[in-house]
PDB file of N, CA and C in Angstrom:
ATOM      1  N   GLY A   1      10.082 -58.803  71.846  1.00  0.00           N
ATOM      2  CA  GLY A   1      10.098 -57.816  72.376  1.00  0.00           C
ATOM      3  C   GLY A   1       8.778 -57.102  71.765  1.00  0.00           C
ATOM      4  N   ILE A   2       8.787 -57.328  70.509  1.00  0.00           N
ATOM      5  CA  ILE A   2       7.650 -56.146  69.399  1.00  0.00           C
ATOM      6  C   ILE A   2       6.545 -56.949  69.978  1.00  0.00           C
ATOM      7  N   ALA A   3       6.270 -58.688  69.782  1.00  0.00           N
ATOM      8  CA  ALA A   3       5.017 -59.121  70.079  1.00  0.00           C
ATOM      9  C   ALA A   3       4.544 -59.109  71.755  1.00  0.00           C
ATOM     10  N   ASP A   4       5.496 -58.595  72.609  1.00  0.00           N
ATOM     11  CA  ASP A   4       5.424 -58.708  73.811  1.00  0.00           C
ATOM     12  C   ASP A   4       4.328 -56.992  73.771  1.00  0.00           C
ATOM     13  N   ALA A   5       4.992 -56.160  73.158  1.00  0.00           N
ATOM     14  CA  ALA A   5       4.338 -54.699  72.936  1.00  0.00           C
ATOM     15  C   ALA A   5       3.180 -54.568  71.999  1.00  0.00           C
ATOM     16  N   TYR A   6       2.833 -55.295  71.144  1.00  0.00           N
ATOM     17  CA  TYR A   6       1.518 -55.695  70.474  1.00  0.00           C
ATOM     18  C   TYR A   6       0.251 -56.052  71.834  1.00  0.00           C
ATOM     19  N   HIS A   7       0.860 -57.382  72.224  1.00  0.00           N
ATOM     20  CA  HIS A   7      -0.430 -58.007  72.885  1.00  0.00           C
ATOM     21  C   HIS A   7      -0.820 -56.850  74.221  1.00  0.00           C
ATOM     22  N   GLN A   8       0.499 -56.195  74.461  1.00  0.00           N
ATOM     23  CA  GLN A   8       0.207 -55.437  75.693  1.00  0.00           C
ATOM     24  C   GLN A   8      -1.053 -54.363  75.375  1.00  0.00           C
ATOM     25  N   ILE A   9      -0.682 -53.729  74.371  1.00  0.00           N
ATOM     26  CA  ILE A   9      -1.698 -52.385  73.723  1.00  0.00           C
ATOM     27  C   ILE A   9      -2.757 -52.469  73.119  1.00  0.00           C
ATOM     28  N   LEU A  10      -2.811 -53.911  72.396  1.00  0.00           N
ATOM     29  CA  LEU A  10      -3.898 -54.639  71.637  1.00  0.00           C
ATOM     30  C   LEU A  10      -5.189 -53.971  72.096  1.00  0.00           C
ATOM     31  N   PRO A  11      -5.507 -54.514  73.494  1.00  0.00           N
ATOM     32  CA  PRO A  11      -7.098 -53.928  74.392  1.00  0.00           C
ATOM     33  C   PRO A  11      -7.176 -52.546  74.153  1.00  0.00           C
ATOM     34  N   GLN A  12      -6.744 -51.610  73.522  1.00  0.00           N
ATOM     35  CA  GLN A  12      -6.424 -50.252  73.837  1.00  0.00           C
ATOM     36  C   GLN A  12      -6.795 -49.812  72.325  1.00  0.00           C
ATOM     37  N   ILE A  13      -6.362 -50.714  71.263  1.00  0.00           N
ATOM     38  CA  ILE A  13      -6.481 -50.334  69.862  1.00  0.00           C
ATOM     39  C   ILE A  13      -8.162 -50.159  69.535  1.00  0.00           C
ATOM     40  N   ARG A  14      -8.171 -48.867  68.533  1.00  0.00           N
ATOM     41  CA  ARG A  14      -9.442 -48.645  68.036  1.00  0.00           C
ATOM     42  C   ARG A  14      -9.008 -48.517  66.487  1.00  0.00           C
ATOM     43  N   LEU A  15      -9.510 -49.217  65.797  1.00  0.00           N
ATOM     44  CA  LEU A  15      -9.001 -48.965  64.336  1.00  0.00           C
ATOM     45  C   LEU A  15     -10.322 -47.934  63.667  1.00  0.00           C
ATOM     46  N   TYR A  16      -9.973 -47.386  62.972  1.00  0.00           N
ATOM     47  CA  TYR A  16     -10.864 -46.450  62.099  1.00  0.00           C
ATOM     48  C   TYR A  16     -10.310 -45.629  60.980  1.00  0.00           C
ATOM     49  N   ARG A  17     -10.929 -44.934  60.158  1.00  0.00           N
ATOM     50  CA  ARG A  17     -10.710 -44.399  58.989  1.00  0.00           C
ATOM     51  C   ARG A  17     -10.320 -42.584  58.758  1.00  0.00           C
ATOM     52  N   PRO A  18      -9.879 -42.228  58.476  1.00  0.00           N
ATOM     53  CA  PRO A  18      -9.438 -42.534  57.218  1.00  0.00           C
ATOM     54  C   PRO A  18      -7.963 -43.187  57.445  1.00  0.00           C
ATOM     55  N   THR A  19      -6.943 -43.911  56.780  1.00  0.00           N
ATOM     56  CA  THR A  19      -5.799 -44.744  56.712  1.00  0.00           C
ATOM     57  C   THR A  19      -4.750 -43.962  56.223  1.00  0.00           C
ATOM     58  N   ASN A  20      -4.106 -42.760  57.168  1.00  0.00           N
ATOM     59  CA  ASN A  20      -3.229 -41.899  56.632  1.00  0.00           C
ATOM     60  C   ASN A  20      -1.727 -42.207  56.945  1.00  0.00           C
ATOM     61  N   PHE A  21      -0.919 -42.608  56.469  1.00  0.00           N
ATOM     62  CA  PHE A  21       0.224 -43.804  56.899  1.00  0.00           C
ATOM     63  C   PHE A  21       1.613 -42.241  56.962  1.00  0.00           C
ATOM     64  N   SER A  22       1.371 -41.232  55.932  1.00  0.00           N
ATOM     65  CA  SER A  22       2.603 -40.434  55.841  1.00  0.00           C
ATOM     66  C   SER A  22       2.440 -39.551  57.281  1.00  0.00           C
ATOM     67  N   PRO A  23       1.664 -39.164  57.857  1.00  0.00           N
ATOM     68  CA  PRO A  23       2.110 -38.373  59.429  1.00  0.00           C
ATOM     69  C   PRO A  23       2.757 -38.913  60.372  1.00  0.00           C
ATOM     70  N   ILE A  24       2.420 -40.368  60.285  1.00  0.00           N
ATOM     71  CA  ILE A  24       3.265 -41.197  61.273  1.00  0.00           C
ATOM     72  C   ILE A  24       4.618 -41.448  60.596  1.00  0.00           C
ATOM     73  N   THR A  25       4.794 -42.048  59.352  1.00  0.00           N
ATOM     74  CA  THR A  25       5.877 -42.095  58.811  1.00  0.00           C
ATOM     75  C   THR A  25       6.975 -40.614  58.863  1.00  0.00           C
ATOM     76  N   ASN A  26       6.461 -39.769  58.465  1.00  0.00           N
ATOM     77  CA  ASN A  26       7.215 -38.421  58.711  1.00  0.00           C
ATOM     78  C   ASN A  26       7.342 -38.379  60.252  1.00  0.00           C
ATOM     79  N   ARG A  27       6.827 -38.900  60.893  1.00  0.00           N
ATOM     80  CA  ARG A  27       7.189 -38.321  62.609  1.00  0.00           C
ATOM     81  C   ARG A  27       8.333 -38.894  62.992  1.00  0.00           C
ATOM     82  N   VAL A  28       8.035 -40.678  62.381  1.00  0.00           N
ATOM     83  CA  VAL A  28       9.119 -41.432  63.328  1.00  0.00           C
ATOM     84  C   VAL A  28      10.386 -41.145  62.584  1.00  0.00           C
ATOM     85  N   ALA A  29      10.139 -40.632  61.328  1.00  0.00           N
ATOM     86  CA  ALA A  29      11.459 -40.050  60.615  1.00  0.00           C
ATOM     87  C   ALA A  29      12.072 -39.019  61.121  1.00  0.00           C
ATOM     88  N   SER A  30      11.650 -38.043  61.526  1.00  0.00           N
ATOM     89  CA  SER A  30      12.221 -36.969  62.219  1.00  0.00           C
ATOM     90  C   SER A  30      12.246 -36.900  63.539  1.00  0.00           C
ATOM     91  N   SER A  31      11.797 -38.311  64.515  1.00  0.00           N
ATOM     92  CA  SER A  31      12.258 -38.110  66.084  1.00  0.00           C
ATOM     93  C   SER A  31      13.656 -38.656  66.049  1.00  0.00           C
ATOM     94  N   GLY A  32      14.410 -37.733  65.909  1.00  0.00           N
ATOM     95  CA  GLY A  32      16.000 -37.936  66.222  1.00  0.00           C
ATOM     96  C   GLY A  32      16.615 -38.751  65.301  1.00  0.00           C
ATOM     97  N   VAL A  33      16.380 -38.883  64.460  1.00  0.00           N
ATOM     98  CA  VAL A  33      17.150 -40.342  63.304  1.00  0.00           C
ATOM     99  C   VAL A  33      18.228 -39.354  62.374  1.00  0.00           C
ATOM    100  N   GLU A  34      19.492 -39.405  62.771  1.00  0.00           N
ATOM    101  CA  GLU A  34      20.450 -38.110  62.149  1.00  0.00           C
ATOM    102  C   GLU A  34      21.227 -38.906  61.176  1.00  0.00           C
ATOM    103  N   ILE A  35      21.608 -38.481  59.851  1.00  0.00           N
ATOM    104  CA  ILE A  35      22.733 -39.047  59.142  1.00  0.00           C
ATOM    105  C   ILE A  35      23.970 -38.330  59.452  1.00  0.00           C
ATOM    106  N   PRO A  36      25.191 -39.067  60.049  1.00  0.00           N
ATOM    107  CA  PRO A  36      26.219 -38.223  60.270  1.00  0.00           C
ATOM    108  C   PRO A  36      26.751 -37.659  59.216  1.00  0.00           C
ATOM    109  N   ASN A  37      27.337 -36.470  59.784  1.00  0.00           N
ATOM    110  CA  ASN A  37      28.024 -35.347  59.098  1.00  0.00           C
ATOM    111  C   ASN A  37      29.194 -36.164  58.265  1.00  0.00           C
ATOM    112  N   CYS A  38      30.015 -36.439  58.986  1.00  0.00           N
ATOM    113  CA  CYS A  38      30.915 -37.222  58.151  1.00  0.00           C
ATOM    114  C   CYS A  38      30.800 -38.647  57.634  1.00  0.00           C
ATOM    115  N   MET A  39      30.622 -38.720  56.735  1.00  0.00           N
ATOM    116  CA  MET A  39      30.156 -40.149  56.076  1.00  0.00           C
ATOM    117  C   MET A  39      31.404 -40.987  56.132  1.00  0.00           C
ATOM    118  N   LEU A  40      32.702 -40.825  56.493  1.00  0.00           N
ATOM    119  CA  LEU A  40      33.460 -42.065  56.788  1.00  0.00           C
ATOM    120  C   LEU A  40      33.022 -42.682  58.156  1.00  0.00           C
ATOM    121  N   SER A  41      32.284 -42.323  58.642  1.00  0.00           N
ATOM    122  CA  SER A  41      31.317 -43.191  59.705  1.00  0.00           C
ATOM    123  C   SER A  41      29.879 -43.659  59.295  1.00  0.00           C
ATOM    124  N   HIS A  42      29.723 -45.247  58.901  1.00  0.00           N
ATOM    125  CA  HIS A  42      28.745 -45.593  58.728  1.00  0.00           C
ATOM    126  C   HIS A  42      27.910 -46.140  59.993  1.00  0.00           C
ATOM    127  N   VAL A  43      28.471 -45.904  61.248  1.00  0.00           N
ATOM    128  CA  VAL A  43      27.615 -46.336  62.174  1.00  0.00           C
ATOM    129  C   VAL A  43      26.811 -45.530  62.797  1.00  0.00           C
ATOM    130  N   PHE A  44      25.111 -45.930  63.063  1.00  0.00           N
ATOM    131  CA  PHE A  44      24.104 -45.012  63.513  1.00  0.00           C
ATOM    132  C   PHE A  44      23.923 -45.380  64.967  1.00  0.00           C
ATOM    133  N   GLN A  45      23.666 -44.550  65.732  1.00  0.00           N
ATOM    134  CA  GLN A  45      23.526 -44.747  67.174  1.00  0.00           C
ATOM    135  C   GLN A  45      22.241 -45.397  67.468  1.00  0.00           C
ATOM    136  N   GLN A  46      21.221 -44.945  66.209  1.00  0.00           N
ATOM    137  CA  GLN A  46      19.734 -45.438  66.697  1.00  0.00           C
ATOM    138  C   GLN A  46      19.341 -46.496  65.672  1.00  0.00           C
ATOM    139  N   TYR A  47      18.325 -47.439  65.841  1.00  0.00           N
ATOM    140  CA  TYR A  47      17.981 -48.033  64.260  1.00  0.00           C
ATOM    141  C   TYR A  47      16.007 -47.775  64.809  1.00  0.00           C
ATOM    142  N   PHE A  48      15.495 -47.190  64.022  1.00  0.00           N
ATOM    143  CA  PHE A  48      13.841 -47.351  64.276  1.00  0.00           C
ATOM    144  C   PHE A  48      13.355 -48.530  63.044  1.00  0.00           C
ATOM    145  N   ILE A  49      12.199 -48.984  64.227  1.00  0.00           N
ATOM    146  CA  ILE A  49      11.474 -49.796  63.113  1.00  0.00           C
ATOM    147  C   ILE A  49       9.702 -49.447  63.475  1.00  0.00           C
ATOM    148  N   LEU A  50       9.260 -48.849  62.407  1.00  0.00           N
ATOM    149  CA  LEU A  50       7.967 -48.318  62.432  1.00  0.00           C
ATOM    150  C   LEU A  50       6.850 -49.508  61.921  1.00  0.00           C
ATOM    151  N   LEU A  51       6.299 -50.273  63.003  1.00  0.00           N
ATOM    152  CA  LEU A  51       5.024 -51.017  62.544  1.00  0.00           C
ATOM    153  C   LEU A  51       3.607 -50.249  62.357  1.00  0.00           C
ATOM    154  N   ILE A  52       3.217 -50.461  61.284  1.00  0.00           N
ATOM    155  CA  ILE A  52       1.827 -50.189  61.171  1.00  0.00           C
ATOM    156  C   ILE A  52       0.937 -51.337  60.889  1.00  0.00           C
ATOM    157  N   ILE A  53       0.148 -51.288  61.531  1.00  0.00           N
ATOM    158  CA  ILE A  53      -1.243 -52.476  61.533  1.00  0.00           C
ATOM    159  C   ILE A  53      -2.260 -51.904  61.100  1.00  0.00           C
ATOM    160  N   THR A  54      -2.672 -52.544  60.307  1.00  0.00           N
ATOM    161  CA  THR A  54      -3.677 -51.370  59.402  1.00  0.00           C
ATOM    162  C   THR A  54      -5.168 -52.570  58.976  1.00  0.00           C
ATOM    163  N   ASP A  55      -6.300 -51.847  59.221  1.00  0.00           N
ATOM    164  CA  ASP A  55      -7.269 -52.582  58.618  1.00  0.00           C
ATOM    165  C   ASP A  55      -7.883 -52.026  57.184  1.00  0.00           C
ATOM    166  N   GLY A  56      -7.334 -51.062  56.274  1.00  0.00           N
ATOM    167  CA  GLY A  56      -7.553 -50.657  55.171  1.00  0.00           C
ATOM    168  C   GLY A  56      -6.875 -50.222  54.493  1.00  0.00           C
ATOM    169  N   ASP A  57      -7.304 -50.048  53.387  1.00  0.00           N
ATOM    170  CA  ASP A  57      -6.505 -49.156  52.005  1.00  0.00           C
ATOM    171  C   ASP A  57      -5.793 -47.982  52.602  1.00  0.00           C
ATOM    172  N   ILE A  58      -4.457 -47.679  51.966  1.00  0.00           N
ATOM    173  CA  ILE A  58      -4.052 -46.145  52.383  1.00  0.00           C
ATOM    174  C   ILE A  58      -4.860 -45.053  51.644  1.00  0.00           C
ATOM    175  N   THR A  59      -5.102 -44.224  52.151  1.00  0.00           N
ATOM    176  CA  THR A  59      -6.083 -42.899  51.868  1.00  0.00           C
ATOM    177  C   THR A  59      -5.084 -41.747  51.587  1.00  0.00           C
ATOM    178  N   ASP A  60      -3.803 -42.248  51.670  1.00  0.00           N
ATOM    179  CA  ASP A  60      -2.877 -40.778  51.013  1.00  0.00           C
ATOM    180  C   ASP A  60      -1.516 -41.540  50.265  1.00  0.00           C
ATOM    181  N   PRO A  61      -1.794 -41.945  49.269  1.00  0.00           N
ATOM    182  CA  PRO A  61      -0.954 -42.879  49.154  1.00  0.00           C
ATOM    183  C   PRO A  61       0.170 -42.061  48.212  1.00  0.00           C
ATOM    184  N   ASP A  62      -0.266 -40.855  47.663  1.00  0.00           N
ATOM    185  CA  ASP A  62       1.265 -40.023  47.267  1.00  0.00           C
ATOM    186  C   ASP A  62       2.171 -39.240  48.391  1.00  0.00           C
ATOM    187  N   GLN A  63       1.093 -39.234  49.604  1.00  0.00           N
ATOM    188  CA  GLN A  63       1.909 -38.237  50.527  1.00  0.00           C
ATOM    189  C   GLN A  63       2.728 -39.394  51.442  1.00  0.00           C
ATOM    190  N   THR A  64       2.295 -41.221  51.269  1.00  0.00           N
ATOM    191  CA  THR A  64       2.803 -41.934  51.854  1.00  0.00           C
ATOM    192  C   THR A  64       4.070 -42.412  51.370  1.00  0.00           C
ATOM    193  N   ARG A  65       3.870 -42.433  49.655  1.00  0.00           N
ATOM    194  CA  ARG A  65       5.180 -42.664  48.923  1.00  0.00           C
ATOM    195  C   ARG A  65       6.231 -41.761  49.120  1.00  0.00           C
ATOM    196  N   GLN A  66       5.777 -40.275  49.134  1.00  0.00           N
ATOM    197  CA  GLN A  66       6.960 -39.505  49.219  1.00  0.00           C
ATOM    198  C   GLN A  66       7.613 -39.456  50.678  1.00  0.00           C
ATOM    199  N   ALA A  67       6.609 -40.056  51.954  1.00  0.00           N
ATOM    200  CA  ALA A  67       7.121 -39.791  53.092  1.00  0.00           C
ATOM    201  C   ALA A  67       8.449 -40.919  52.866  1.00  0.00           C
ATOM    202  N   VAL A  68       8.171 -42.351  52.339  1.00  0.00           N
ATOM    203  CA  VAL A  68       8.679 -43.253  52.144  1.00  0.00           C
ATOM    204  C   VAL A  68      10.165 -43.077  51.686  1.00  0.00           C
ATOM    205  N   VAL A  69      10.038 -42.442  50.392  1.00  0.00           N
ATOM    206  CA  VAL A  69      11.092 -42.143  49.670  1.00  0.00           C
ATOM    207  C   VAL A  69      11.985 -40.835  50.538  1.00  0.00           C
ATOM    208  N   ASN A  70      11.598 -39.984  51.278  1.00  0.00           N
ATOM    209  CA  ASN A  70      12.170 -39.180  52.052  1.00  0.00           C
ATOM    210  C   ASN A  70      12.919 -39.754  53.343  1.00  0.00           C
ATOM    211  N   ALA A  71      12.445 -41.134  53.834  1.00  0.00           N
ATOM    212  CA  ALA A  71      12.630 -41.512  55.039  1.00  0.00           C
ATOM    213  C   ALA A  71      14.071 -42.735  54.643  1.00  0.00           C
ATOM    214  N   SER A  72      14.107 -43.053  53.385  1.00  0.00           N
ATOM    215  CA  SER A  72      14.839 -44.146  52.519  1.00  0.00           C
ATOM    216  C   SER A  72      16.302 -44.275  53.058  1.00  0.00           C
ATOM    217  N   ASN A  73      16.741 -43.216  52.820  1.00  0.00           N
ATOM    218  CA  ASN A  73      18.165 -43.363  53.586  1.00  0.00           C
ATOM    219  C   ASN A  73      18.511 -42.786  54.907  1.00  0.00           C
ATOM    220  N   LEU A  74      17.595 -43.331  56.087  1.00  0.00           N
ATOM    221  CA  LEU A  74      17.670 -43.248  57.391  1.00  0.00           C
ATOM    222  C   LEU A  74      17.796 -44.592  57.986  1.00  0.00           C
ATOM    223  N   PRO A  75      18.284 -44.547  59.093  1.00  0.00           N
ATOM    224  CA  PRO A  75      18.094 -46.166  59.697  1.00  0.00           C
ATOM    225  C   PRO A  75      16.964 -46.649  60.303  1.00  0.00           C
ATOM    226  N   MET A  76      16.023 -46.829  59.520  1.00  0.00           N
ATOM    227  CA  MET A  76      14.847 -47.380  60.041  1.00  0.00           C
ATOM    228  C   MET A  76      14.331 -48.406  58.550  1.00  0.00           C
ATOM    229  N   SER A  77      13.284 -49.180  59.217  1.00  0.00           N
ATOM    230  CA  SER A  77      12.523 -49.760  58.714  1.00  0.00           C
ATOM    231  C   SER A  77      10.884 -49.726  59.144  1.00  0.00           C
ATOM    232  N   ILE A  78      10.262 -49.687  57.760  1.00  0.00           N
ATOM    233  CA  ILE A  78       8.822 -49.749  57.791  1.00  0.00           C
ATOM    234  C   ILE A  78       8.068 -51.066  57.521  1.00  0.00           C
ATOM    235  N   ILE A  79       7.081 -51.555  58.395  1.00  0.00           N
ATOM    236  CA  ILE A  79       6.519 -52.466  58.569  1.00  0.00           C
ATOM    237  C   ILE A  79       5.132 -52.338  58.438  1.00  0.00           C
ATOM    238  N   THR A  80       4.337 -52.878  57.272  1.00  0.00           N
ATOM    239  CA  THR A  80       2.761 -52.665  57.270  1.00  0.00           C
ATOM    240  C   THR A  80       2.407 -54.169  57.332  1.00  0.00           C
ATOM    241  N   VAL A  81       1.284 -54.357  58.513  1.00  0.00           N
ATOM    242  CA  VAL A  81       0.726 -55.498  58.364  1.00  0.00           C
ATOM    243  C   VAL A  81      -0.951 -55.373  58.330  1.00  0.00           C
ATOM    244  N   GLY A  82      -1.363 -55.820  57.384  1.00  0.00           N
ATOM    245  CA  GLY A  82      -3.183 -55.788  57.419  1.00  0.00           C
ATOM    246  C   GLY A  82      -3.715 -56.720  57.764  1.00  0.00           C
ATOM    247  N   VAL A  83      -4.586 -56.345  58.571  1.00  0.00           N
ATOM    248  CA  VAL A  83      -5.611 -57.167  59.306  1.00  0.00           C
ATOM    249  C   VAL A  83      -6.957 -56.879  58.982  1.00  0.00           C
ATOM    250  N   GLY A  84      -7.775 -58.110  58.893  1.00  0.00           N
ATOM    251  CA  GLY A  84      -9.250 -58.079  58.717  1.00  0.00           C
ATOM    252  C   GLY A  84      -9.472 -58.690  56.943  1.00  0.00           C
ATOM    253  N   GLU A  85     -10.542 -58.005  56.964  1.00  0.00           N
ATOM    254  CA  GLU A  85     -10.991 -58.549  55.099  1.00  0.00           C
ATOM    255  C   GLU A  85     -10.549 -57.560  54.031  1.00  0.00           C
ATOM    256  N   ALA A  86      -9.943 -56.254  54.384  1.00  0.00           N
ATOM    257  CA  ALA A  86     -10.132 -55.180  53.022  1.00  0.00           C
ATOM    258  C   ALA A  86      -9.013 -56.016  52.225  1.00  0.00           C
ATOM    259  N   SER A  87      -8.912 -55.558  51.168  1.00  0.00           N
ATOM    260  CA  SER A  87      -7.981 -55.735  50.170  1.00  0.00           C
ATOM    261  C   SER A  87      -6.535 -54.808  50.393  1.00  0.00           C
ATOM    262  N   PHE A  88      -5.561 -55.825  50.307  1.00  0.00           N
ATOM    263  CA  PHE A  88      -4.385 -55.183  50.809  1.00  0.00           C
ATOM    264  C   PHE A  88      -3.618 -55.317  49.667  1.00  0.00           C
TER     265      PHE A  88
END
């Protein structure tokens, strides 16, 4: 499903700078992901996968690091894919 979505949206994507990952990371982390109040149940209702496709270096590394730390206990994965000739 991810590959199909990628191919469908690819013609509309325009890569540009700055490359700030923290806003989207924070947005996905706050979009309905909740930790159950009762830790007896470790079953989450949703699992999020944030796929970031980038053509450059992260321009907000400190904020991105903090966003990832803040989201680290949530049911989500963050996948970053570098495209192009930049140093990743």
